[in-house]
């Protein structure tokens, strides 16, 4: 069983590692500048995030906005190559530590952080409910779960096709567990099933959009 877990993690890591040097450029090509900037703007409005764990930090693109409003951030990813890029991007932020971790496995002490942040990871992983349950356990009571997730929700068939083609041109075949496109209601229901109370789920950007969901550990 242990060998199977390691092989699974290796597959996930290998998929994203090969895009470490080009990820931000490719992501911008696929979803556009507008939605990525809208996410940054929204994150910049957050205040008093306290001690933060970020799962799926990638190159650290969104970590910067979170770090400005946090006491301390542990930015994590499965990919060593992504983490190396994140270290370069975040070297000026003295309140950020970069380390390897899997959001679907227990990596931090129970009730040890104020905020869990996930940007564009919940729609790519094998077991999103497990990741949310792990997040619930490491959050203090009243702690914030903040999720950002790209989605084609609300787009017409032609627009969805265009998005899919752009993804294939840059990233090729989707990651091992595919890509989900959550509606606000679907993501809210998933988060609530892990024990959280959803405080808000909104679509930001134009086309494509991103879901921006805030919830609390009850």
N, C-alpha and C. Protein backbone atom coordinates (compact mmCIF):
# COMPACT_ATOMS: atom_id res chain seq x y z
N UNK A 1 0.83 -1.20 0.00
CA UNK A 1 0.00 0.00 0.00
C UNK A 1 0.87 1.25 0.00
N UNK A 2 1.90 1.24 0.81
CA UNK A 2 2.79 2.39 0.88
C UNK A 2 3.40 2.68 -0.48
N UNK A 3 3.78 1.63 -1.21
CA UNK A 3 4.35 1.81 -2.54
C UNK A 3 3.36 2.45 -3.47
N UNK A 4 2.08 2.07 -3.39
CA UNK A 4 1.04 2.63 -4.24
C UNK A 4 0.87 4.12 -3.99
N UNK A 5 0.91 4.51 -2.71
CA UNK A 5 0.78 5.91 -2.35
C UNK A 5 1.94 6.71 -2.96
N UNK A 6 3.12 6.19 -2.86
CA UNK A 6 4.28 6.90 -3.40
C UNK A 6 4.19 7.05 -4.91
N UNK A 7 3.73 6.01 -5.60
CA UNK A 7 3.59 6.08 -7.05
C UNK A 7 2.54 7.12 -7.44
N UNK A 8 1.43 7.15 -6.70
CA UNK A 8 0.39 8.12 -6.97
C UNK A 8 0.90 9.54 -6.80
N UNK A 9 1.61 9.79 -5.71
CA UNK A 9 2.16 11.11 -5.46
C UNK A 9 3.16 11.49 -6.54
N UNK A 10 3.94 10.52 -6.98
CA UNK A 10 4.93 10.79 -8.01
C UNK A 10 4.27 11.22 -9.31
N UNK A 11 3.16 10.57 -9.67
CA UNK A 11 2.44 10.94 -10.89
C UNK A 11 1.93 12.36 -10.81
N UNK A 12 1.35 12.73 -9.67
CA UNK A 12 0.84 14.08 -9.50
C UNK A 12 1.97 15.10 -9.57
N UNK A 13 3.06 14.77 -8.89
CA UNK A 13 4.20 15.70 -8.87
C UNK A 13 4.80 15.87 -10.27
N UNK A 14 4.94 14.78 -10.99
CA UNK A 14 5.56 14.84 -12.32
C UNK A 14 4.74 15.68 -13.28
N UNK A 15 3.41 15.58 -13.18
CA UNK A 15 2.57 16.32 -14.11
C UNK A 15 2.83 17.82 -14.00
N UNK A 16 2.82 18.34 -12.76
CA UNK A 16 2.97 19.78 -12.58
C UNK A 16 4.42 20.24 -12.67
N UNK A 17 5.35 19.38 -12.30
CA UNK A 17 6.76 19.76 -12.31
C UNK A 17 7.25 20.17 -13.69
N UNK A 18 6.75 19.52 -14.72
CA UNK A 18 7.24 19.81 -16.07
C UNK A 18 6.82 21.19 -16.57
N UNK A 19 5.88 21.83 -15.85
CA UNK A 19 5.44 23.16 -16.25
C UNK A 19 5.94 24.26 -15.31
N UNK A 20 6.85 23.94 -14.42
CA UNK A 20 7.27 24.90 -13.41
C UNK A 20 7.80 26.20 -14.01
N UNK A 21 8.58 26.10 -15.08
CA UNK A 21 9.20 27.30 -15.66
C UNK A 21 8.24 28.11 -16.53
N UNK A 22 7.13 27.51 -16.91
CA UNK A 22 6.22 28.18 -17.85
C UNK A 22 4.80 28.30 -17.32
N UNK A 23 4.56 27.86 -16.10
CA UNK A 23 3.20 27.75 -15.61
C UNK A 23 2.43 29.08 -15.68
N UNK A 24 3.01 30.15 -15.17
CA UNK A 24 2.28 31.42 -15.13
C UNK A 24 1.99 31.94 -16.55
N UNK A 25 2.95 31.78 -17.43
CA UNK A 25 2.74 32.19 -18.81
C UNK A 25 1.62 31.37 -19.46
N UNK A 26 1.65 30.07 -19.24
CA UNK A 26 0.63 29.19 -19.82
C UNK A 26 -0.75 29.46 -19.22
N UNK A 27 -0.81 29.64 -17.90
CA UNK A 27 -2.09 29.90 -17.23
C UNK A 27 -2.71 31.19 -17.75
N UNK A 28 -1.89 32.18 -17.96
CA UNK A 28 -2.39 33.46 -18.49
C UNK A 28 -2.93 33.29 -19.90
N UNK A 29 -2.26 32.46 -20.69
CA UNK A 29 -2.74 32.19 -22.05
C UNK A 29 -4.10 31.49 -22.01
N UNK A 30 -4.27 30.55 -21.08
CA UNK A 30 -5.49 29.75 -21.03
C UNK A 30 -6.67 30.56 -20.49
N UNK A 31 -6.49 31.23 -19.35
CA UNK A 31 -7.63 31.91 -18.71
C UNK A 31 -7.61 33.42 -18.89
N UNK A 32 -6.47 33.98 -19.31
CA UNK A 32 -6.38 35.42 -19.54
C UNK A 32 -5.87 36.20 -18.33
N UNK A 33 -5.43 37.42 -18.60
CA UNK A 33 -4.89 38.28 -17.54
C UNK A 33 -5.99 38.78 -16.60
N UNK A 34 -7.16 39.02 -17.16
CA UNK A 34 -8.22 39.69 -16.40
C UNK A 34 -8.61 38.93 -15.15
N UNK A 35 -8.87 37.64 -15.28
CA UNK A 35 -9.32 36.87 -14.12
C UNK A 35 -8.20 36.71 -13.10
N UNK A 36 -6.97 36.56 -13.56
CA UNK A 36 -5.85 36.41 -12.62
C UNK A 36 -5.64 37.70 -11.83
N UNK A 37 -5.78 38.83 -12.48
CA UNK A 37 -5.66 40.10 -11.77
C UNK A 37 -6.83 40.33 -10.83
N UNK A 38 -8.01 39.88 -11.23
CA UNK A 38 -9.18 40.00 -10.36
C UNK A 38 -9.00 39.20 -9.08
N UNK A 39 -8.36 38.03 -9.20
CA UNK A 39 -8.07 37.21 -8.01
C UNK A 39 -7.09 37.94 -7.10
N UNK A 40 -6.04 38.49 -7.68
CA UNK A 40 -5.07 39.25 -6.89
C UNK A 40 -5.76 40.40 -6.15
N UNK A 41 -6.61 41.12 -6.87
CA UNK A 41 -7.30 42.27 -6.26
C UNK A 41 -8.18 41.83 -5.09
N UNK A 42 -8.88 40.71 -5.28
CA UNK A 42 -9.76 40.21 -4.23
C UNK A 42 -8.95 39.74 -3.02
N UNK A 43 -7.86 39.03 -3.26
CA UNK A 43 -7.02 38.57 -2.16
C UNK A 43 -6.42 39.73 -1.39
N UNK A 44 -6.14 40.81 -2.10
CA UNK A 44 -5.54 41.98 -1.46
C UNK A 44 -6.49 42.67 -0.49
N UNK A 45 -7.78 42.36 -0.61
CA UNK A 45 -8.77 42.94 0.30
C UNK A 45 -8.87 42.18 1.61
N UNK A 46 -8.32 40.97 1.66
CA UNK A 46 -8.38 40.17 2.89
C UNK A 46 -7.52 40.81 3.98
N UNK A 47 -7.94 40.69 5.21
CA UNK A 47 -7.21 41.26 6.32
C UNK A 47 -7.06 40.25 7.46
N UNK A 48 -5.97 40.41 8.20
CA UNK A 48 -5.76 39.63 9.43
C UNK A 48 -5.92 38.13 9.21
N UNK A 49 -5.17 37.61 8.25
CA UNK A 49 -5.23 36.18 7.95
C UNK A 49 -4.45 35.33 8.96
N UNK A 50 -3.60 35.97 9.75
CA UNK A 50 -2.88 35.26 10.81
C UNK A 50 -1.88 34.26 10.28
N UNK A 51 -1.87 33.08 10.91
CA UNK A 51 -0.98 31.99 10.49
C UNK A 51 -1.66 31.23 9.35
N UNK A 52 -1.00 31.18 8.19
CA UNK A 52 -1.62 30.64 6.98
C UNK A 52 -0.87 29.42 6.46
N UNK A 53 -1.63 28.40 6.06
CA UNK A 53 -1.10 27.30 5.25
C UNK A 53 -1.69 27.44 3.86
N UNK A 54 -0.82 27.49 2.86
CA UNK A 54 -1.30 27.49 1.48
C UNK A 54 -0.99 26.14 0.85
N UNK A 55 -2.01 25.51 0.30
CA UNK A 55 -1.83 24.25 -0.43
C UNK A 55 -1.83 24.54 -1.93
N UNK A 56 -0.88 23.95 -2.64
CA UNK A 56 -0.80 24.14 -4.09
C UNK A 56 -0.32 25.53 -4.46
N UNK A 57 0.75 25.98 -3.85
CA UNK A 57 1.23 27.35 -4.08
C UNK A 57 1.79 27.54 -5.48
N UNK A 58 2.18 26.44 -6.15
CA UNK A 58 2.77 26.59 -7.48
C UNK A 58 4.01 27.46 -7.46
N UNK A 59 4.03 28.47 -8.30
CA UNK A 59 5.19 29.37 -8.39
C UNK A 59 5.14 30.48 -7.36
N UNK A 60 4.09 30.52 -6.55
CA UNK A 60 3.96 31.58 -5.55
C UNK A 60 3.25 32.82 -6.05
N UNK A 61 2.60 32.71 -7.21
CA UNK A 61 1.97 33.87 -7.85
C UNK A 61 0.93 34.53 -6.93
N UNK A 62 0.05 33.72 -6.35
CA UNK A 62 -0.99 34.27 -5.48
C UNK A 62 -0.54 34.38 -4.03
N UNK A 63 0.53 33.70 -3.70
CA UNK A 63 1.05 33.74 -2.33
C UNK A 63 1.41 35.16 -1.93
N UNK A 64 1.91 35.93 -2.86
CA UNK A 64 2.35 37.30 -2.58
C UNK A 64 1.21 38.14 -2.00
N UNK A 65 0.03 38.03 -2.61
CA UNK A 65 -1.11 38.82 -2.15
C UNK A 65 -1.55 38.39 -0.76
N UNK A 66 -1.51 37.08 -0.49
CA UNK A 66 -1.89 36.56 0.82
C UNK A 66 -0.87 36.97 1.88
N UNK A 67 0.41 36.89 1.54
CA UNK A 67 1.48 37.16 2.50
C UNK A 67 1.44 38.59 3.03
N UNK A 68 0.95 39.51 2.22
CA UNK A 68 0.90 40.92 2.64
C UNK A 68 -0.11 41.15 3.76
N UNK A 69 -1.05 40.21 3.93
CA UNK A 69 -2.09 40.37 4.94
C UNK A 69 -2.06 39.26 5.99
N UNK A 70 -0.91 38.56 6.07
CA UNK A 70 -0.78 37.44 7.00
C UNK A 70 0.41 37.66 7.93
N UNK A 71 0.32 37.05 9.09
CA UNK A 71 1.44 37.07 10.02
C UNK A 71 2.56 36.17 9.52
N UNK A 72 2.17 35.00 9.05
CA UNK A 72 3.14 34.01 8.60
C UNK A 72 2.46 33.07 7.61
N UNK A 73 3.17 32.67 6.56
CA UNK A 73 2.62 31.77 5.55
C UNK A 73 3.57 30.60 5.33
N UNK A 74 3.01 29.39 5.37
CA UNK A 74 3.74 28.22 4.89
C UNK A 74 3.13 27.87 3.54
N UNK A 75 3.88 28.12 2.49
CA UNK A 75 3.41 27.88 1.12
C UNK A 75 3.88 26.50 0.69
N UNK A 76 2.95 25.62 0.35
CA UNK A 76 3.30 24.22 0.06
C UNK A 76 2.87 23.81 -1.34
N UNK A 77 3.54 22.80 -1.84
CA UNK A 77 3.20 22.21 -3.13
C UNK A 77 3.79 20.81 -3.15
N UNK A 78 3.28 19.96 -4.06
CA UNK A 78 3.83 18.62 -4.24
C UNK A 78 5.10 18.63 -5.08
N UNK A 79 5.22 19.61 -5.96
CA UNK A 79 6.30 19.63 -6.95
C UNK A 79 7.53 20.36 -6.44
N UNK A 80 8.65 19.66 -6.42
CA UNK A 80 9.91 20.28 -6.02
C UNK A 80 10.27 21.42 -6.97
N UNK A 81 10.01 21.21 -8.27
CA UNK A 81 10.34 22.23 -9.25
C UNK A 81 9.49 23.49 -9.06
N UNK A 82 8.23 23.31 -8.77
CA UNK A 82 7.36 24.46 -8.48
C UNK A 82 7.85 25.19 -7.23
N UNK A 83 8.25 24.44 -6.24
CA UNK A 83 8.72 25.04 -5.00
C UNK A 83 9.99 25.85 -5.21
N UNK A 84 10.86 25.39 -6.10
CA UNK A 84 12.06 26.15 -6.41
C UNK A 84 11.71 27.48 -7.06
N UNK A 85 10.72 27.46 -7.94
CA UNK A 85 10.25 28.71 -8.56
C UNK A 85 9.63 29.62 -7.50
N UNK A 86 8.86 29.04 -6.59
CA UNK A 86 8.22 29.82 -5.54
C UNK A 86 9.26 30.48 -4.64
N UNK A 87 10.32 29.78 -4.33
CA UNK A 87 11.36 30.36 -3.49
C UNK A 87 11.96 31.61 -4.13
N UNK A 88 12.13 31.58 -5.44
CA UNK A 88 12.67 32.74 -6.15
C UNK A 88 11.66 33.90 -6.15
N UNK A 89 10.39 33.55 -6.39
CA UNK A 89 9.35 34.58 -6.44
C UNK A 89 9.11 35.23 -5.08
N UNK A 90 9.31 34.46 -4.01
CA UNK A 90 8.92 34.91 -2.68
C UNK A 90 10.10 35.27 -1.79
N UNK A 91 11.28 35.40 -2.37
CA UNK A 91 12.49 35.61 -1.56
C UNK A 91 12.45 36.91 -0.75
N UNK A 92 11.66 37.89 -1.18
CA UNK A 92 11.58 39.16 -0.47
C UNK A 92 10.59 39.12 0.70
N UNK A 93 9.81 38.05 0.77
CA UNK A 93 8.81 37.95 1.83
C UNK A 93 9.38 37.15 3.00
N UNK A 94 9.75 37.85 4.04
CA UNK A 94 10.39 37.20 5.19
C UNK A 94 9.40 36.42 6.05
N UNK A 95 8.13 36.62 5.81
CA UNK A 95 7.11 35.89 6.59
C UNK A 95 6.60 34.65 5.86
N UNK A 96 7.30 34.23 4.80
CA UNK A 96 6.88 33.06 4.03
C UNK A 96 7.94 31.96 4.08
N UNK A 97 7.49 30.75 4.37
CA UNK A 97 8.33 29.56 4.29
C UNK A 97 7.74 28.67 3.19
N UNK A 98 8.60 28.11 2.37
CA UNK A 98 8.17 27.24 1.28
C UNK A 98 8.57 25.81 1.61
N UNK A 99 7.62 24.88 1.53
CA UNK A 99 7.94 23.49 1.82
C UNK A 99 7.01 22.53 1.08
N UNK A 100 7.43 21.29 0.97
CA UNK A 100 6.67 20.29 0.25
C UNK A 100 5.60 19.68 1.15
N UNK A 101 4.37 19.56 0.62
CA UNK A 101 3.29 18.91 1.36
C UNK A 101 2.17 18.55 0.38
N UNK A 102 1.38 17.55 0.77
CA UNK A 102 0.25 17.09 -0.02
C UNK A 102 -1.03 17.45 0.73
N UNK A 103 -1.92 18.21 0.09
CA UNK A 103 -3.14 18.65 0.76
C UNK A 103 -4.08 17.50 1.12
N UNK A 104 -3.89 16.34 0.50
CA UNK A 104 -4.76 15.20 0.77
C UNK A 104 -4.23 14.33 1.91
N UNK A 105 -3.08 14.69 2.47
CA UNK A 105 -2.48 13.93 3.57
C UNK A 105 -2.20 14.86 4.75
N UNK A 106 -2.24 14.31 5.96
CA UNK A 106 -1.96 15.11 7.15
C UNK A 106 -0.51 15.55 7.16
N UNK A 107 -0.30 16.85 7.18
CA UNK A 107 1.07 17.37 7.13
C UNK A 107 1.36 18.36 8.26
N UNK A 108 0.29 18.79 8.98
CA UNK A 108 0.45 19.82 10.01
C UNK A 108 -0.36 19.45 11.26
N UNK A 109 0.01 19.99 12.41
CA UNK A 109 -0.68 19.66 13.65
C UNK A 109 -2.14 20.09 13.65
N UNK A 110 -2.95 19.41 14.43
CA UNK A 110 -4.36 19.75 14.57
C UNK A 110 -4.51 21.16 15.15
N UNK A 111 -5.49 21.89 14.62
CA UNK A 111 -5.87 23.20 15.15
C UNK A 111 -4.67 24.12 15.34
N UNK A 112 -3.84 24.22 14.32
CA UNK A 112 -2.58 24.96 14.45
C UNK A 112 -2.50 26.24 13.62
N UNK A 113 -3.50 26.48 12.74
CA UNK A 113 -3.42 27.66 11.87
C UNK A 113 -4.75 28.41 11.84
N UNK A 114 -4.66 29.67 11.40
CA UNK A 114 -5.84 30.52 11.33
C UNK A 114 -6.52 30.48 9.96
N UNK A 115 -5.73 30.23 8.92
CA UNK A 115 -6.26 30.27 7.55
C UNK A 115 -5.65 29.17 6.71
N UNK A 116 -6.49 28.50 5.92
CA UNK A 116 -6.01 27.60 4.87
C UNK A 116 -6.41 28.23 3.54
N UNK A 117 -5.44 28.35 2.65
CA UNK A 117 -5.66 28.96 1.34
C UNK A 117 -5.35 27.95 0.25
N UNK A 118 -6.30 27.79 -0.69
CA UNK A 118 -6.11 26.90 -1.83
C UNK A 118 -6.45 27.68 -3.10
N UNK A 119 -5.50 27.85 -3.97
CA UNK A 119 -5.74 28.54 -5.23
C UNK A 119 -5.56 27.56 -6.39
N UNK A 120 -6.65 27.30 -7.09
CA UNK A 120 -6.61 26.50 -8.32
C UNK A 120 -6.00 25.12 -8.12
N UNK A 121 -6.43 24.48 -7.03
CA UNK A 121 -5.99 23.12 -6.75
C UNK A 121 -7.19 22.19 -6.51
N UNK A 122 -8.27 22.72 -5.93
CA UNK A 122 -9.39 21.87 -5.53
C UNK A 122 -10.02 21.17 -6.74
N UNK A 123 -9.90 21.78 -7.92
CA UNK A 123 -10.52 21.19 -9.12
C UNK A 123 -9.58 20.24 -9.86
N UNK A 124 -8.38 20.00 -9.32
CA UNK A 124 -7.42 19.16 -10.02
C UNK A 124 -7.07 17.87 -9.28
N UNK A 125 -7.51 17.73 -8.02
CA UNK A 125 -7.02 16.63 -7.19
C UNK A 125 -7.98 15.45 -7.17
N UNK A 126 -7.46 14.29 -6.78
CA UNK A 126 -8.25 13.06 -6.79
C UNK A 126 -9.39 13.09 -5.79
N UNK A 127 -9.11 13.54 -4.58
CA UNK A 127 -10.11 13.46 -3.51
C UNK A 127 -10.25 14.83 -2.84
N UNK A 128 -11.00 15.75 -3.45
CA UNK A 128 -11.13 17.09 -2.87
C UNK A 128 -11.77 17.09 -1.49
N UNK A 129 -12.69 16.17 -1.22
CA UNK A 129 -13.31 16.12 0.10
C UNK A 129 -12.27 15.79 1.16
N UNK A 130 -11.39 14.85 0.87
CA UNK A 130 -10.34 14.52 1.82
C UNK A 130 -9.44 15.73 2.10
N UNK A 131 -9.12 16.48 1.06
CA UNK A 131 -8.29 17.68 1.24
C UNK A 131 -9.00 18.70 2.13
N UNK A 132 -10.30 18.83 1.95
CA UNK A 132 -11.07 19.77 2.78
C UNK A 132 -11.14 19.28 4.22
N UNK A 133 -11.28 17.99 4.41
CA UNK A 133 -11.31 17.44 5.77
C UNK A 133 -9.98 17.65 6.48
N UNK A 134 -8.89 17.46 5.75
CA UNK A 134 -7.57 17.72 6.33
C UNK A 134 -7.43 19.19 6.71
N UNK A 135 -7.94 20.06 5.86
CA UNK A 135 -7.89 21.50 6.13
C UNK A 135 -8.70 21.83 7.38
N UNK A 136 -9.86 21.21 7.49
CA UNK A 136 -10.72 21.44 8.66
C UNK A 136 -9.97 21.08 9.95
N UNK A 137 -9.27 19.98 9.92
CA UNK A 137 -8.60 19.49 11.12
C UNK A 137 -7.44 20.38 11.56
N UNK A 138 -6.74 20.98 10.61
CA UNK A 138 -5.58 21.80 11.02
C UNK A 138 -5.96 23.24 11.35
N UNK A 139 -7.18 23.63 11.01
CA UNK A 139 -7.63 24.97 11.34
C UNK A 139 -8.08 25.08 12.79
N UNK A 140 -7.83 26.23 13.39
CA UNK A 140 -8.40 26.53 14.69
C UNK A 140 -9.89 26.80 14.52
N UNK A 141 -10.65 26.70 15.61
CA UNK A 141 -12.08 26.99 15.53
C UNK A 141 -12.29 28.44 15.13
N UNK A 142 -13.18 28.64 14.19
CA UNK A 142 -13.39 29.97 13.65
C UNK A 142 -12.42 30.31 12.54
N UNK A 143 -11.52 29.38 12.21
CA UNK A 143 -10.51 29.62 11.18
C UNK A 143 -11.12 29.71 9.79
N UNK A 144 -10.40 30.36 8.90
CA UNK A 144 -10.88 30.66 7.55
C UNK A 144 -10.34 29.67 6.53
N UNK A 145 -11.23 29.14 5.71
CA UNK A 145 -10.85 28.38 4.52
C UNK A 145 -11.14 29.26 3.32
N UNK A 146 -10.12 29.56 2.54
CA UNK A 146 -10.24 30.44 1.38
C UNK A 146 -9.86 29.65 0.13
N UNK A 147 -10.82 29.51 -0.80
CA UNK A 147 -10.61 28.72 -2.00
C UNK A 147 -10.82 29.57 -3.25
N UNK A 148 -9.88 29.46 -4.17
CA UNK A 148 -10.03 30.05 -5.50
C UNK A 148 -9.96 28.91 -6.51
N UNK A 149 -10.87 28.91 -7.48
CA UNK A 149 -10.89 27.81 -8.44
C UNK A 149 -11.38 28.31 -9.79
N UNK A 150 -10.55 28.18 -10.82
CA UNK A 150 -10.99 28.53 -12.17
C UNK A 150 -12.19 27.67 -12.55
N UNK A 151 -13.09 28.23 -13.34
CA UNK A 151 -14.27 27.48 -13.76
C UNK A 151 -14.79 27.98 -15.10
N UNK A 152 -15.43 27.09 -15.84
CA UNK A 152 -16.10 27.50 -17.08
C UNK A 152 -17.60 27.68 -16.84
N UNK A 153 -18.00 27.70 -15.58
CA UNK A 153 -19.41 27.86 -15.24
C UNK A 153 -19.96 29.16 -15.84
N UNK A 154 -21.10 29.06 -16.50
CA UNK A 154 -21.73 30.23 -17.09
C UNK A 154 -21.27 30.53 -18.51
N UNK A 155 -20.28 29.80 -19.00
CA UNK A 155 -19.82 30.01 -20.37
C UNK A 155 -20.66 29.16 -21.33
N UNK A 156 -20.81 29.61 -22.56
CA UNK A 156 -21.54 28.81 -23.53
C UNK A 156 -20.64 27.74 -24.13
N UNK A 157 -21.24 26.87 -24.94
CA UNK A 157 -20.50 25.73 -25.49
C UNK A 157 -19.28 26.16 -26.28
N UNK A 158 -19.42 27.19 -27.11
CA UNK A 158 -18.32 27.66 -27.93
C UNK A 158 -17.17 28.19 -27.07
N UNK A 159 -17.51 28.92 -26.04
CA UNK A 159 -16.49 29.47 -25.14
C UNK A 159 -15.78 28.36 -24.36
N UNK A 160 -16.54 27.35 -23.95
CA UNK A 160 -15.93 26.22 -23.25
C UNK A 160 -14.97 25.46 -24.16
N UNK A 161 -15.35 25.30 -25.41
CA UNK A 161 -14.47 24.63 -26.36
C UNK A 161 -13.17 25.41 -26.54
N UNK A 162 -13.28 26.72 -26.64
CA UNK A 162 -12.09 27.55 -26.78
C UNK A 162 -11.16 27.43 -25.59
N UNK A 163 -11.75 27.41 -24.39
CA UNK A 163 -10.97 27.25 -23.17
C UNK A 163 -10.26 25.90 -23.16
N UNK A 164 -11.00 24.84 -23.54
CA UNK A 164 -10.41 23.50 -23.56
C UNK A 164 -9.27 23.38 -24.56
N UNK A 165 -9.44 24.00 -25.71
CA UNK A 165 -8.39 23.95 -26.74
C UNK A 165 -7.14 24.69 -26.27
N UNK A 166 -7.34 25.85 -25.66
CA UNK A 166 -6.18 26.60 -25.16
C UNK A 166 -5.44 25.80 -24.10
N UNK A 167 -6.19 25.10 -23.25
CA UNK A 167 -5.55 24.26 -22.22
C UNK A 167 -4.72 23.16 -22.88
N UNK A 168 -5.30 22.48 -23.85
CA UNK A 168 -4.59 21.39 -24.52
C UNK A 168 -3.35 21.88 -25.24
N UNK A 169 -3.41 23.07 -25.82
CA UNK A 169 -2.26 23.61 -26.54
C UNK A 169 -1.09 23.91 -25.63
N UNK A 170 -1.38 24.25 -24.38
CA UNK A 170 -0.29 24.59 -23.45
C UNK A 170 0.05 23.47 -22.47
N UNK A 171 -0.96 22.84 -21.91
CA UNK A 171 -0.73 21.84 -20.87
C UNK A 171 -0.93 20.40 -21.34
N UNK A 172 -1.47 20.22 -22.55
CA UNK A 172 -1.68 18.87 -23.04
C UNK A 172 -2.81 18.17 -22.30
N UNK A 173 -2.69 16.85 -22.17
CA UNK A 173 -3.70 16.05 -21.48
C UNK A 173 -3.83 16.52 -20.03
N UNK A 174 -5.04 16.66 -19.52
CA UNK A 174 -5.24 17.11 -18.14
C UNK A 174 -4.52 16.22 -17.12
N UNK A 175 -4.37 16.70 -15.88
CA UNK A 175 -3.69 15.92 -14.84
C UNK A 175 -4.38 14.59 -14.58
N UNK A 176 -3.73 13.69 -13.82
CA UNK A 176 -4.23 12.32 -13.65
C UNK A 176 -5.70 12.20 -13.28
N UNK A 177 -6.23 13.16 -12.52
CA UNK A 177 -7.61 13.04 -12.06
C UNK A 177 -8.53 14.02 -12.77
N UNK A 178 -8.06 14.57 -13.88
CA UNK A 178 -8.90 15.44 -14.68
C UNK A 178 -9.07 16.82 -14.08
N UNK A 179 -9.96 17.59 -14.68
CA UNK A 179 -10.25 18.95 -14.22
C UNK A 179 -11.76 19.08 -14.00
N UNK A 180 -12.15 19.57 -12.83
CA UNK A 180 -13.56 19.79 -12.54
C UNK A 180 -13.90 21.27 -12.74
N UNK A 181 -15.10 21.54 -13.14
CA UNK A 181 -15.59 22.90 -13.26
C UNK A 181 -16.77 23.06 -12.31
N UNK A 182 -16.50 23.59 -11.12
CA UNK A 182 -17.53 23.72 -10.10
C UNK A 182 -18.43 24.93 -10.37
N UNK A 183 -19.69 24.79 -10.04
CA UNK A 183 -20.57 25.93 -9.91
C UNK A 183 -20.45 26.44 -8.47
N UNK A 184 -20.90 27.66 -8.19
CA UNK A 184 -20.87 28.12 -6.79
C UNK A 184 -21.60 27.17 -5.85
N UNK A 185 -22.73 26.65 -6.30
CA UNK A 185 -23.53 25.75 -5.47
C UNK A 185 -22.80 24.42 -5.22
N UNK A 186 -22.17 23.88 -6.25
CA UNK A 186 -21.46 22.61 -6.11
C UNK A 186 -20.27 22.73 -5.17
N UNK A 187 -19.50 23.79 -5.31
CA UNK A 187 -18.35 23.96 -4.44
C UNK A 187 -18.79 24.23 -3.00
N UNK A 188 -19.82 25.03 -2.84
CA UNK A 188 -20.33 25.31 -1.50
C UNK A 188 -20.79 24.03 -0.81
N UNK A 189 -21.51 23.19 -1.55
CA UNK A 189 -22.01 21.93 -0.99
C UNK A 189 -20.86 21.03 -0.58
N UNK A 190 -19.81 20.97 -1.42
CA UNK A 190 -18.65 20.14 -1.11
C UNK A 190 -17.96 20.64 0.16
N UNK A 191 -17.78 21.92 0.27
CA UNK A 191 -17.12 22.51 1.44
C UNK A 191 -17.95 22.29 2.70
N UNK A 192 -19.24 22.45 2.60
CA UNK A 192 -20.11 22.24 3.75
C UNK A 192 -20.11 20.78 4.21
N UNK A 193 -19.94 19.85 3.26
CA UNK A 193 -19.91 18.43 3.61
C UNK A 193 -18.68 18.08 4.44
N UNK A 194 -17.66 18.96 4.42
CA UNK A 194 -16.47 18.75 5.25
C UNK A 194 -16.60 19.42 6.61
N UNK A 195 -17.74 20.06 6.87
CA UNK A 195 -18.01 20.64 8.18
C UNK A 195 -17.91 22.15 8.24
N UNK A 196 -17.57 22.80 7.15
CA UNK A 196 -17.42 24.25 7.14
C UNK A 196 -18.77 24.97 6.98
N UNK A 197 -18.80 26.21 7.42
CA UNK A 197 -19.93 27.09 7.16
C UNK A 197 -19.51 28.08 6.08
N UNK A 198 -20.14 28.02 4.93
CA UNK A 198 -19.77 28.91 3.82
C UNK A 198 -20.32 30.31 4.09
N UNK A 199 -19.44 31.29 4.00
CA UNK A 199 -19.83 32.68 4.23
C UNK A 199 -20.06 33.42 2.91
N UNK A 200 -19.49 32.91 1.85
CA UNK A 200 -19.67 33.56 0.55
C UNK A 200 -19.01 32.77 -0.55
N UNK A 201 -19.68 32.70 -1.71
CA UNK A 201 -19.12 32.04 -2.89
C UNK A 201 -19.51 32.87 -4.09
N UNK A 202 -18.55 33.53 -4.71
CA UNK A 202 -18.87 34.41 -5.81
C UNK A 202 -17.98 34.14 -7.01
N UNK A 203 -18.50 34.49 -8.17
CA UNK A 203 -17.73 34.40 -9.41
C UNK A 203 -17.05 35.74 -9.66
N UNK A 204 -15.77 35.71 -9.95
CA UNK A 204 -15.05 36.93 -10.27
C UNK A 204 -14.39 36.78 -11.63
N UNK A 205 -14.09 37.91 -12.25
CA UNK A 205 -13.53 37.88 -13.60
C UNK A 205 -14.65 37.92 -14.61
N UNK A 206 -14.30 37.71 -15.88
CA UNK A 206 -15.28 37.76 -16.97
C UNK A 206 -15.44 36.36 -17.55
N UNK A 207 -14.74 36.04 -18.63
CA UNK A 207 -14.78 34.71 -19.22
C UNK A 207 -13.37 34.33 -19.64
N UNK A 208 -12.79 33.29 -19.04
CA UNK A 208 -13.31 32.45 -17.95
C UNK A 208 -13.41 33.23 -16.63
N UNK A 209 -13.99 32.58 -15.65
CA UNK A 209 -14.15 33.15 -14.32
C UNK A 209 -13.39 32.31 -13.29
N UNK A 210 -13.38 32.81 -12.08
CA UNK A 210 -12.88 32.03 -10.95
C UNK A 210 -13.91 32.08 -9.83
N UNK A 211 -14.06 30.97 -9.14
CA UNK A 211 -14.88 30.94 -7.94
C UNK A 211 -14.03 31.39 -6.76
N UNK A 212 -14.59 32.27 -5.96
CA UNK A 212 -13.90 32.76 -4.77
C UNK A 212 -14.78 32.45 -3.58
N UNK A 213 -14.36 31.47 -2.78
CA UNK A 213 -15.20 30.97 -1.69
C UNK A 213 -14.52 31.17 -0.35
N UNK A 214 -15.29 31.71 0.59
CA UNK A 214 -14.82 31.90 1.97
C UNK A 214 -15.72 31.11 2.91
N UNK A 215 -15.10 30.36 3.82
CA UNK A 215 -15.88 29.59 4.78
C UNK A 215 -15.12 29.50 6.10
N UNK A 216 -15.83 29.12 7.14
CA UNK A 216 -15.25 29.06 8.49
C UNK A 216 -15.42 27.69 9.10
N UNK A 217 -14.46 27.32 9.94
CA UNK A 217 -14.60 26.12 10.75
C UNK A 217 -15.53 26.45 11.91
N UNK A 218 -16.62 25.68 11.99
CA UNK A 218 -17.62 25.98 13.03
C UNK A 218 -17.16 25.49 14.39
